[in-house]
Amino acid sequence: MVPVIALVGRPNVGKSTMFNRLTRTRDAIVGDLSGLTRDRQYGEARWQGRSYILVDTGGISGDEQGMDEKMAEQSLLAIEEADVVLFLVDARAGLTAADQMISEHLRKRNKRSFLVANKIDNIDPLAAIAEFSPLGMGNAIGVAGAQGRGVNNLLEAVLSDFPRDKDEEEIDTDVAEGEEAVRIPGPSEKDGIKIAIIGRPNVGKSTLVNRMLGEERVIVYDQPGTTRDSIYIPFERNEEKYTLIDTAGVRKRGKIHEEVEKFSVVKTLQAIKDANVVIFVMDAREGVVDHDLNLLGFALEAGRAIVIALNKWDGMQPGERDYVKTELERRLFFVDFADIHFISALHGTGVGNLYQSVQNSFKSAVTRWPTSRLTQILEDAVSEHQPPMVNSRRIKLRYAHLGGANPPIIVIHGNQVEKVPKSYSRYLENTYRRVLKLVGTPIRIEYKGSDNPYEGNKNTLTDRQVNKKRRLMSHHKKAEKKRKDKR
């Protein structure tokens, strides 16, 4: 059984910095601002042949209200499910009332805990650690998460009682001071369909994630920008493996002023590229806005399969629903291949139907076809509607083969292919989509011309050929002069 280790503490003690250091990633947003982490963030790591799961949590201060209260609830849930708790305190700030409150809670829960005094760089570590003796949690382990100082001693104390991994080659994964972060692939990264939930702020993405999971896994609050990080959540449904990615809402660039929100947007765009299928969530009551089209266009450029979900469909009048459907047909014509679902994430209406569209879109995006099949479709399309003439010559398309998947890339070979108009490429794309019955995924058509092996080569004449050419030219000039004299 892989141990679960939770990082807890009051806000701004360095939990996310420690999370990135131990997992060797940059998955957690780090900044000199308290309350950056809100949802539970999970990561996989190994140290000297021992694998473990690390959980980053939001800060606990004891006087939370509103959204902070929900953040604290997520942290308390992480404590309950953890095998080991790393209780981080700020060695520079010293002992606080919030630290005492957290230590009392850990003692009541009878959790195996380690007191970790972070930020001991540039101070006297012994004096700083001694200040936390009143907590009654034993000697604190001094570390500097940003530099990696003392991290190996911490891992040795925490993981020494856990067995090494079986049937796996031991890899030296000591976390050296100043070492650059390098991602260590985990099993969950290659299992299941990765589904990114994207959209503008406050359209119900986190509510949809909780509804699909059947639990309050991420924080839902009536305030735009609640989600700041991209949260990866592996789960199973009907013996099928999935990984849900809850992302931060993306606003117009001109409305983004906070540095934290800029990092959140970058995380969202990275999650789109990392996903297999994107569920694009829109607010049915607001309809399709211009920024929806921009975000949808980015997902298409990334080549992700797309499923569209119109949330908050419940409670709308029939006239309003008809207007929204008309607007969808008018403004989303460029993604007419994507399935559209009208759902209520809050009540669960229509949410279960998303899975079938996700599976169909994923299957269309990764299925591979033989060259003979793709070439036959090309020949049938050309015979039905030939390419245009260019410079009195017909563009010739000879054969096609698959150049990649997710999205499907169809490479077509021929002559003058650089002059194929976009309208004919769209015709070929629609033909392949119709014949292969592809849904939910964009298709990319690429062309490759036939190179002339003799292009640029110049014949070098022998001396005999040069003399012969000179005699012919001289004879031609004499004959031309005689014709002129006769006139």
Protein backbone atom coordinates (compact mmCIF):
# COMPACT_ATOMS: atom_id res chain seq x y z
CA MET A 1 0.00 0.00 0.00
CA VAL A 2 1.45 3.37 -1.04
CA PRO A 3 1.51 5.75 1.96
CA VAL A 4 -0.36 9.04 1.78
CA ILE A 5 1.44 12.05 3.28
CA ALA A 6 -0.45 15.30 3.89
CA LEU A 7 1.16 18.72 4.19
CA VAL A 8 -0.77 20.90 6.65
CA GLY A 9 -0.18 24.16 8.43
CA ARG A 10 -1.36 27.71 8.62
CA PRO A 11 -1.27 29.92 5.48
CA ASN A 12 2.04 30.92 3.89
CA VAL A 13 4.36 28.54 5.75
CA GLY A 14 5.68 26.99 2.50
CA LYS A 15 3.47 23.93 1.98
CA SER A 16 3.23 24.35 -1.82
CA THR A 17 6.98 25.00 -2.07
CA MET A 18 7.60 21.78 -0.17
CA PHE A 19 5.08 19.96 -2.38
CA ASN A 20 6.93 21.01 -5.54
CA ARG A 21 10.27 20.08 -3.97
CA LEU A 22 9.18 16.58 -2.93
CA THR A 23 7.25 15.73 -6.12
CA ARG A 24 9.89 17.38 -8.33
CA THR A 25 7.23 19.26 -10.26
CA ARG A 26 5.87 22.78 -10.55
CA ASP A 27 2.29 21.65 -10.18
CA ALA A 28 1.47 23.84 -7.17
CA ILE A 29 1.29 27.61 -7.59
CA VAL A 30 3.85 29.30 -5.34
CA GLY A 31 3.95 32.98 -4.42
CA ASP A 32 4.54 35.42 -1.58
CA LEU A 33 0.83 35.58 -0.82
CA SER A 34 -1.19 33.61 1.71
CA GLY A 35 -4.13 31.48 0.61
CA LEU A 36 -2.89 30.57 -2.87
CA THR A 37 -3.69 26.87 -2.42
CA ARG A 38 -7.39 26.16 -2.04
CA ASP A 39 -8.17 22.63 -3.20
CA ARG A 40 -6.36 19.44 -2.29
CA GLN A 41 -3.53 18.85 -4.74
CA TYR A 42 -2.19 15.29 -5.10
CA GLY A 43 1.21 14.30 -6.42
CA GLU A 44 3.27 11.11 -6.73
CA ALA A 45 6.91 10.85 -5.71
CA ARG A 46 9.67 8.32 -4.94
CA TRP A 47 12.60 8.47 -2.60
CA GLN A 48 15.25 5.74 -2.43
CA GLY A 49 12.95 3.05 -3.80
CA ARG A 50 9.88 4.08 -1.76
CA SER A 51 6.83 5.53 -3.50
CA TYR A 52 4.38 7.78 -1.73
CA ILE A 53 1.47 10.11 -2.46
CA LEU A 54 1.77 13.70 -1.31
CA VAL A 55 -1.21 15.97 -0.62
CA ASP A 56 -0.90 19.76 -0.67
CA THR A 57 -3.60 21.61 1.28
CA GLY A 58 -4.80 25.13 1.99
CA GLY A 59 -3.82 26.94 5.14
CA ILE A 60 -5.71 26.54 8.45
CA SER A 61 -5.90 29.57 10.71
CA GLY A 62 -8.88 28.76 12.94
CA ASP A 63 -10.90 31.90 12.18
CA GLU A 64 -11.98 31.07 8.65
CA GLN A 65 -15.11 32.52 7.10
CA GLY A 66 -16.71 32.14 3.69
CA MET A 67 -14.40 30.53 1.13
CA ASP A 68 -11.59 30.16 3.69
CA GLU A 69 -13.88 27.91 5.72
CA LYS A 70 -14.32 25.58 2.76
CA MET A 71 -10.54 25.59 2.24
CA ALA A 72 -10.05 24.52 5.85
CA GLU A 73 -12.59 21.72 5.38
CA GLN A 74 -10.53 20.39 2.48
CA SER A 75 -7.40 20.45 4.67
CA LEU A 76 -9.15 18.55 7.47
CA LEU A 77 -10.32 15.91 4.96
CA ALA A 78 -6.69 15.50 3.84
CA ILE A 79 -5.66 14.87 7.46
CA GLU A 80 -8.32 12.19 7.82
CA GLU A 81 -7.24 10.23 4.73
CA ALA A 82 -3.47 10.56 5.31
CA ASP A 83 -1.20 7.93 6.82
CA VAL A 84 1.34 10.55 7.86
CA VAL A 85 0.92 14.29 8.46
CA LEU A 86 3.74 16.77 7.95
CA PHE A 87 2.84 19.75 10.14
CA LEU A 88 4.73 22.74 8.72
CA VAL A 89 5.48 25.80 10.82
CA ASP A 90 7.30 29.01 9.92
CA ALA A 91 10.64 29.11 11.75
CA ARG A 92 11.03 32.83 11.06
CA ALA A 93 7.57 33.85 12.29
CA GLY A 94 7.76 31.69 15.40
CA LEU A 95 4.99 29.96 17.33
CA THR A 96 1.43 31.25 16.78
CA ALA A 97 -2.03 30.48 18.15
CA ALA A 98 -2.95 28.83 14.83
CA ASP A 99 -0.01 26.44 15.21
CA GLN A 100 -1.22 25.45 18.67
CA MET A 101 -4.76 24.88 17.36
CA ILE A 102 -3.53 22.58 14.56
CA SER A 103 -1.30 20.57 16.92
CA GLU A 104 -4.23 20.02 19.29
CA HIS A 105 -6.38 18.78 16.40
CA LEU A 106 -3.66 16.33 15.30
CA ARG A 107 -3.35 14.95 18.82
CA LYS A 108 -7.13 14.45 19.03
CA ARG A 109 -7.14 12.57 15.70
CA ASN A 110 -4.21 10.41 16.92
CA LYS A 111 -2.41 10.86 13.62
CA ARG A 112 1.22 9.97 13.06
CA SER A 113 2.68 13.46 12.66
CA PHE A 114 6.02 15.14 12.15
CA LEU A 115 6.68 18.74 13.10
CA VAL A 116 8.59 20.46 10.30
CA ALA A 117 10.13 23.89 10.87
CA ASN A 118 10.43 25.47 7.42
CA LYS A 119 12.46 28.53 6.33
CA ILE A 120 15.48 27.90 8.56
CA ASP A 121 17.85 29.44 6.01
CA ASN A 122 19.77 32.53 7.20
CA ILE A 123 18.70 32.07 10.84
CA ASP A 124 19.92 30.06 13.83
CA PRO A 125 18.10 26.71 13.29
CA LEU A 126 18.53 25.40 16.86
CA ALA A 127 17.04 28.51 18.44
CA ALA A 128 14.18 28.58 15.93
CA ILE A 129 13.33 24.89 16.44
CA ALA A 130 13.42 25.20 20.25
CA GLU A 131 10.63 27.80 20.09
CA PHE A 132 8.13 25.11 18.99
CA SER A 133 8.77 22.79 21.96
CA PRO A 134 5.52 23.86 23.71
CA LEU A 135 3.54 22.15 20.94
CA GLY A 136 4.43 18.80 22.51
CA MET A 137 5.17 17.11 19.18
CA GLY A 138 8.79 16.23 19.79
CA ASN A 139 11.81 17.81 18.18
CA ALA A 140 11.02 19.70 15.00
CA ILE A 141 12.87 18.79 11.80
CA GLY A 142 14.45 21.91 10.31
CA VAL A 143 14.19 22.36 6.55
CA ALA A 144 14.43 25.05 3.89
CA GLY A 145 11.93 23.95 1.25
CA ALA A 146 12.94 26.54 -1.33
CA GLN A 147 16.61 25.40 -1.28
CA GLY A 148 16.06 21.72 -0.44
CA ARG A 149 18.07 21.94 2.78
CA GLY A 150 17.24 19.18 5.27
CA VAL A 151 14.65 17.54 2.98
CA ASN A 152 16.48 14.21 2.78
CA ASN A 153 16.66 14.01 6.58
CA LEU A 154 12.93 14.65 6.69
CA LEU A 155 12.14 11.91 4.16
CA GLU A 156 14.37 9.44 5.98
CA ALA A 157 12.48 10.03 9.22
CA VAL A 158 9.06 9.82 7.54
CA LEU A 159 9.55 6.89 5.16
CA SER A 160 11.97 4.67 7.08
CA ASP A 161 9.14 2.52 8.47
CA PHE A 162 7.51 1.96 5.06
CA PRO A 163 8.67 -0.92 2.80
CA ARG A 164 10.47 -0.40 -0.46
CA ASP A 165 8.60 -0.86 -3.73
CA LYS A 166 8.43 -4.41 -5.02
CA ASP A 167 9.52 -5.46 -8.52
CA GLU A 168 10.84 -1.99 -9.29
CA GLU A 169 14.37 -0.88 -9.96
CA GLU A 170 15.64 1.42 -7.26
CA ILE A 171 16.37 4.91 -8.51
CA ASP A 172 18.41 7.49 -6.63
CA THR A 173 15.88 10.25 -6.06
CA ASP A 174 17.50 12.25 -3.28
CA VAL A 175 16.33 15.84 -3.31
CA ALA A 176 19.58 17.79 -3.36
CA GLU A 177 19.81 21.42 -2.38
CA GLY A 178 19.22 23.73 -5.33
CA GLU A 179 18.29 20.86 -7.63
CA GLU A 180 16.03 21.70 -10.55
CA ALA A 181 12.52 20.23 -10.57
CA VAL A 182 12.13 17.25 -12.88
CA ARG A 183 8.84 15.43 -13.34
CA ILE A 184 8.83 11.78 -12.25
CA PRO A 185 6.10 10.00 -14.24
CA GLY A 186 3.61 8.18 -12.07
CA PRO A 187 1.24 5.34 -12.92
CA SER A 188 -1.80 7.61 -12.86
CA GLU A 189 -0.38 9.75 -15.67
CA LYS A 190 -0.78 6.96 -18.22
CA ASP A 191 -4.03 5.38 -17.03
CA GLY A 192 -7.43 6.45 -18.27
CA ILE A 193 -8.84 9.27 -20.37
CA LYS A 194 -7.74 12.71 -19.23
CA ILE A 195 -10.71 15.08 -19.24
CA ALA A 196 -10.09 18.82 -18.77
CA ILE A 197 -13.07 20.88 -17.61
CA ILE A 198 -12.58 24.39 -19.02
CA GLY A 199 -14.57 27.58 -19.38
CA ARG A 200 -14.93 31.15 -18.15
CA PRO A 201 -15.07 31.89 -14.41
CA ASN A 202 -18.23 31.02 -12.49
CA VAL A 203 -19.87 28.85 -15.16
CA GLY A 204 -19.98 25.82 -12.83
CA LYS A 205 -16.81 23.85 -13.66
CA SER A 206 -16.04 22.80 -10.08
CA THR A 207 -19.70 21.96 -9.45
CA LEU A 208 -19.61 19.71 -12.52
CA VAL A 209 -16.41 18.03 -11.28
CA ASN A 210 -17.99 17.27 -7.91
CA ARG A 211 -21.14 15.96 -9.59
CA MET A 212 -19.15 13.65 -11.90
CA LEU A 213 -17.15 12.35 -8.93
CA GLY A 214 -20.13 12.05 -6.59
CA GLU A 215 -18.34 13.88 -3.75
CA GLU A 216 -17.33 17.38 -2.68
CA ARG A 217 -13.80 16.98 -4.01
CA VAL A 218 -13.10 20.60 -4.99
CA ILE A 219 -14.23 23.88 -3.48
CA VAL A 220 -17.43 25.39 -4.88
CA TYR A 221 -18.21 28.97 -3.94
CA ASP A 222 -20.40 31.71 -5.40
CA GLN A 223 -17.44 33.84 -6.43
CA PRO A 224 -15.53 33.96 -9.73
CA GLY A 225 -11.95 32.69 -9.53
CA THR A 226 -12.51 30.18 -6.73
CA THR A 227 -10.31 27.58 -8.46
CA ARG A 228 -6.73 28.74 -8.91
CA ASP A 229 -4.82 25.56 -9.70
CA SER A 230 -5.38 22.72 -12.16
CA ILE A 231 -6.43 19.77 -9.99
CA TYR A 232 -5.86 16.25 -11.39
CA ILE A 233 -8.31 13.69 -9.96
CA PRO A 234 -8.03 10.01 -11.06
CA PHE A 235 -11.16 7.86 -10.63
CA GLU A 236 -13.03 4.89 -12.10
CA ARG A 237 -16.56 4.59 -13.43
CA ASN A 238 -18.07 1.37 -14.73
CA GLU A 239 -14.58 -0.18 -14.75
CA GLU A 240 -13.33 2.63 -17.01
CA LYS A 241 -10.43 4.78 -15.80
CA TYR A 242 -10.54 8.57 -16.07
CA THR A 243 -8.60 11.57 -14.81
CA LEU A 244 -10.65 14.73 -14.30
CA ILE A 245 -8.79 18.04 -14.47
CA ASP A 246 -10.55 20.93 -12.77
CA THR A 247 -9.12 24.18 -14.13
CA ALA A 248 -9.28 27.85 -13.27
CA GLY A 249 -11.65 30.03 -15.27
CA VAL A 250 -10.05 32.08 -18.05
CA ARG A 251 -11.09 35.70 -18.44
CA LYS A 252 -10.17 38.22 -21.13
CA ARG A 253 -6.53 39.22 -21.04
CA GLY A 254 -7.39 42.86 -20.33
CA LYS A 255 -9.26 41.91 -17.15
CA ILE A 256 -6.39 39.88 -15.66
CA HIS A 257 -4.47 42.08 -13.25
CA GLU A 258 -3.40 39.81 -10.37
CA GLU A 259 -0.15 37.90 -10.80
CA VAL A 260 -1.76 34.80 -9.31
CA GLU A 261 -4.50 34.78 -11.93
CA LYS A 262 -1.90 34.92 -14.69
CA PHE A 263 -0.31 31.75 -13.30
CA SER A 264 -3.77 30.16 -13.08
CA VAL A 265 -4.43 30.88 -16.75
CA VAL A 266 -1.09 29.35 -17.73
CA LYS A 267 -1.97 26.24 -15.71
CA THR A 268 -5.33 26.01 -17.50
CA LEU A 269 -3.75 26.27 -20.95
CA GLN A 270 -1.21 23.60 -19.98
CA ALA A 271 -4.03 21.34 -18.77
CA ILE A 272 -5.78 21.69 -22.14
CA LYS A 273 -2.64 20.50 -23.92
CA ASP A 274 -2.20 17.67 -21.41
CA ALA A 275 -5.79 16.40 -21.75
CA ASN A 276 -7.22 13.90 -24.22
CA VAL A 277 -10.74 15.33 -24.20
CA VAL A 278 -11.93 18.81 -23.22
CA ILE A 279 -15.40 19.42 -21.75
CA PHE A 280 -16.09 23.05 -22.58
CA VAL A 281 -18.59 24.46 -20.05
CA MET A 282 -20.72 27.51 -20.85
CA ASP A 283 -23.40 29.32 -18.89
CA ALA A 284 -26.67 28.74 -20.76
CA ARG A 285 -28.21 31.87 -19.22
CA GLU A 286 -25.41 34.08 -20.58
CA GLY A 287 -25.30 32.35 -23.97
CA VAL A 288 -22.24 32.31 -26.22
CA VAL A 289 -19.89 35.24 -25.63
CA ASP A 290 -16.84 36.22 -27.63
CA HIS A 291 -14.36 34.97 -25.04
CA ASP A 292 -15.96 31.52 -25.21
CA LEU A 293 -15.02 31.42 -28.88
CA ASN A 294 -11.42 32.44 -28.11
CA LEU A 295 -10.99 29.72 -25.50
CA LEU A 296 -12.67 27.16 -27.73
CA GLY A 297 -10.34 28.16 -30.56
CA PHE A 298 -7.30 27.52 -28.35
CA ALA A 299 -8.58 24.01 -27.57
CA LEU A 300 -9.00 23.37 -31.30
CA GLU A 301 -5.49 24.63 -32.08
CA ALA A 302 -4.18 22.26 -29.42
CA GLY A 303 -5.98 19.45 -31.29
CA ARG A 304 -8.04 18.28 -28.33
CA ALA A 305 -11.29 16.36 -28.74
CA ILE A 306 -14.18 18.52 -27.54
CA VAL A 307 -17.52 17.99 -25.78
CA ILE A 308 -19.66 21.09 -25.15
CA ALA A 309 -21.77 21.35 -21.99
CA LEU A 310 -24.31 24.14 -21.48
CA ASN A 311 -24.72 24.40 -17.73
CA LYS A 312 -27.56 25.97 -15.69
CA TRP A 313 -30.11 24.76 -18.23
CA ASP A 314 -32.69 24.11 -15.51
CA GLY A 315 -35.22 26.85 -14.83
CA MET A 316 -34.95 28.46 -18.28
CA GLN A 317 -38.13 29.29 -20.18
CA PRO A 318 -38.87 27.52 -23.52
CA GLY A 319 -38.38 30.77 -25.44
CA GLU A 320 -34.99 31.35 -23.83
CA ARG A 321 -33.90 27.80 -24.62
CA ASP A 322 -34.89 28.15 -28.29
CA TYR A 323 -32.89 31.39 -28.54
CA VAL A 324 -29.80 29.77 -26.99
CA LYS A 325 -30.00 26.82 -29.39
CA THR A 326 -30.26 29.19 -32.36
CA GLU A 327 -27.21 31.11 -31.14
CA LEU A 328 -25.27 27.86 -30.75
CA GLU A 329 -25.95 26.88 -34.36
CA ARG A 330 -24.97 30.33 -35.59
CA ARG A 331 -21.81 30.94 -33.57
CA LEU A 332 -20.42 27.43 -33.06
CA PHE A 333 -20.59 26.33 -36.68
CA PHE A 334 -16.82 25.75 -36.71
CA VAL A 335 -17.18 23.00 -34.08
CA ASP A 336 -20.31 21.38 -35.51
CA PHE A 337 -18.59 18.00 -35.06
CA ALA A 338 -18.73 18.28 -31.23
CA ASP A 339 -21.57 16.83 -29.14
CA ILE A 340 -23.59 19.43 -27.22
CA HIS A 341 -25.23 18.58 -23.88
CA PHE A 342 -27.68 20.68 -21.91
CA ILE A 343 -27.03 19.97 -18.25
CA SER A 344 -27.51 21.13 -14.68
CA ALA A 345 -24.33 20.41 -12.72
CA LEU A 346 -26.05 21.42 -9.49
CA HIS A 347 -28.90 18.91 -9.82
CA GLY A 348 -27.12 16.33 -12.01
CA THR A 349 -29.47 16.58 -14.99
CA GLY A 350 -27.77 15.26 -18.14
CA VAL A 351 -24.34 14.92 -16.51
CA GLY A 352 -24.21 11.14 -16.95
CA ASN A 353 -24.59 11.51 -20.73
CA LEU A 354 -21.24 13.32 -20.92
CA TYR A 355 -19.30 10.08 -20.45
CA GLN A 356 -20.57 8.50 -23.67
CA SER A 357 -19.61 11.58 -25.68
CA VAL A 358 -16.19 11.62 -23.98
CA GLN A 359 -15.59 7.99 -24.91
CA ASN A 360 -16.78 8.49 -28.52
CA SER A 361 -14.60 11.60 -28.93
CA PHE A 362 -11.56 9.88 -27.44
CA LYS A 363 -12.05 6.83 -29.67
CA SER A 364 -12.31 9.03 -32.76
CA ALA A 365 -9.17 10.93 -31.77
CA VAL A 366 -6.90 7.90 -31.22
CA THR A 367 -8.18 5.29 -33.71
CA ARG A 368 -5.69 4.38 -36.42
CA TRP A 369 -6.60 3.45 -40.01
CA PRO A 370 -4.47 1.69 -42.65
CA THR A 371 -3.03 3.58 -45.60
CA SER A 372 -5.18 1.61 -48.04
CA ARG A 373 -8.37 2.77 -46.32
CA LEU A 374 -7.36 6.44 -46.25
CA THR A 375 -6.17 6.30 -49.87
CA GLN A 376 -9.46 4.74 -51.02
CA ILE A 377 -11.43 7.52 -49.34
CA LEU A 378 -9.17 10.09 -51.04
CA GLU A 379 -9.67 8.51 -54.47
CA ASP A 380 -13.45 8.44 -54.02
CA ALA A 381 -13.46 12.08 -52.93
CA VAL A 382 -11.32 13.14 -55.91
CA SER A 383 -13.47 11.23 -58.40
CA GLU A 384 -16.59 12.90 -57.01
CA HIS A 385 -15.09 16.40 -56.91
CA GLN A 386 -11.72 16.97 -58.56
CA PRO A 387 -9.16 19.53 -57.32
CA PRO A 388 -9.00 22.80 -59.28
CA MET A 389 -6.67 23.61 -62.20
CA VAL A 390 -3.51 25.61 -61.48
CA ASN A 391 -1.46 27.05 -64.39
CA SER A 392 -3.46 24.89 -66.83
CA ARG A 393 -2.51 21.80 -64.85
CA ARG A 394 -4.77 19.74 -62.59
CA ILE A 395 -3.64 19.31 -58.98
CA LYS A 396 -2.95 15.60 -58.48
CA LEU A 397 -3.53 13.89 -55.10
CA ARG A 398 -2.02 10.39 -55.21
CA TYR A 399 -2.34 8.69 -51.82
CA ALA A 400 -2.90 9.37 -48.10
CA HIS A 401 -1.65 7.89 -44.84
CA LEU A 402 -2.05 8.59 -41.12
CA GLY A 403 0.52 11.00 -39.71
CA GLY A 404 -0.55 11.07 -36.06
CA ALA A 405 -3.38 10.73 -33.56
CA ASN A 406 -5.15 12.94 -31.01
CA PRO A 407 -5.85 14.79 -33.23
CA PRO A 408 -5.90 12.59 -36.35
CA ILE A 409 -3.41 13.90 -38.91
CA ILE A 410 -3.94 12.75 -42.51
CA VAL A 411 -0.95 13.29 -44.80
CA ILE A 412 -1.80 13.52 -48.52
CA HIS A 413 0.90 13.16 -51.19
CA GLY A 414 0.64 14.67 -54.68
CA ASN A 415 1.76 17.34 -57.13
CA GLN A 416 1.23 21.11 -56.69
CA VAL A 417 -0.16 20.40 -53.22
CA GLU A 418 1.06 23.77 -51.93
CA LYS A 419 -1.62 25.36 -54.15
CA VAL A 420 -4.58 23.35 -52.81
CA PRO A 421 -7.22 25.94 -51.76
CA LYS A 422 -8.59 25.93 -48.20
CA SER A 423 -12.09 25.21 -49.48
CA TYR A 424 -10.93 21.93 -51.00
CA SER A 425 -9.09 21.00 -47.79
CA ARG A 426 -12.34 21.54 -45.88
CA TYR A 427 -14.11 19.32 -48.41
CA LEU A 428 -11.57 16.53 -47.82
CA GLU A 429 -11.79 17.01 -44.04
CA ASN A 430 -15.59 16.71 -44.09
CA THR A 431 -15.36 13.67 -46.34
CA TYR A 432 -13.01 11.84 -43.99
CA ARG A 433 -15.15 12.83 -41.01
CA ARG A 434 -18.33 11.52 -42.68
CA VAL A 435 -16.89 8.25 -44.00
CA LEU A 436 -14.88 7.39 -40.86
CA LYS A 437 -17.77 8.54 -38.61
CA LEU A 438 -15.55 10.78 -36.49
CA VAL A 439 -17.18 12.82 -33.74
CA GLY A 440 -15.82 15.34 -31.30
CA THR A 441 -12.29 15.59 -32.66
CA PRO A 442 -10.71 18.02 -35.12
CA ILE A 443 -8.90 16.63 -38.17
CA ARG A 444 -5.73 18.04 -39.63
CA ILE A 445 -4.98 17.67 -43.34
CA GLU A 446 -1.33 17.99 -44.29
CA TYR A 447 0.13 17.85 -47.80
CA LYS A 448 3.45 16.58 -49.04
CA GLY A 449 4.67 17.27 -52.55
CA SER A 450 6.65 14.99 -54.87
CA ASP A 451 10.18 16.36 -55.24
CA ASN A 452 11.86 16.26 -58.69
CA PRO A 453 15.17 14.43 -58.17
CA TYR A 454 16.75 16.31 -61.13
CA GLU A 455 15.60 19.78 -60.03
CA GLY A 456 18.58 22.14 -59.80
CA ASN A 457 20.94 19.72 -61.56
CA LYS A 458 22.77 21.13 -64.60
CA ASN A 459 24.30 18.93 -67.28
CA THR A 460 28.02 19.44 -67.83
CA LEU A 461 28.90 19.18 -71.56
CA THR A 462 31.99 17.36 -72.72
CA ASP A 463 34.51 19.07 -75.03
CA ARG A 464 33.13 17.15 -78.00
CA GLN A 465 29.58 18.30 -77.22
CA VAL A 466 30.75 21.90 -76.83
CA ASN A 467 32.51 21.84 -80.27
CA LYS A 468 29.47 20.27 -81.88
CA LYS A 469 27.21 22.93 -80.39
CA ARG A 470 29.56 25.65 -81.69
CA ARG A 471 29.53 24.16 -85.25
CA LEU A 472 25.73 23.95 -85.23
CA MET A 473 25.38 27.55 -84.13
CA SER A 474 27.88 28.70 -86.81
CA HIS A 475 26.01 26.74 -89.51
CA HIS A 476 22.71 28.21 -88.33
CA LYS A 477 24.06 31.78 -88.53
CA LYS A 478 25.45 31.24 -92.09
CA ALA A 479 22.15 29.82 -93.29
CA GLU A 480 20.25 32.74 -91.76
CA LYS A 481 22.62 35.22 -93.51
CA LYS A 482 22.07 33.56 -96.93
CA ARG A 483 18.31 33.87 -96.53
CA LYS A 484 18.63 37.56 -95.80
CA ASP A 485 20.93 38.12 -98.86
CA LYS A 486 18.44 36.43 -101.22
CA ARG A 487 15.75 38.83 -100.05
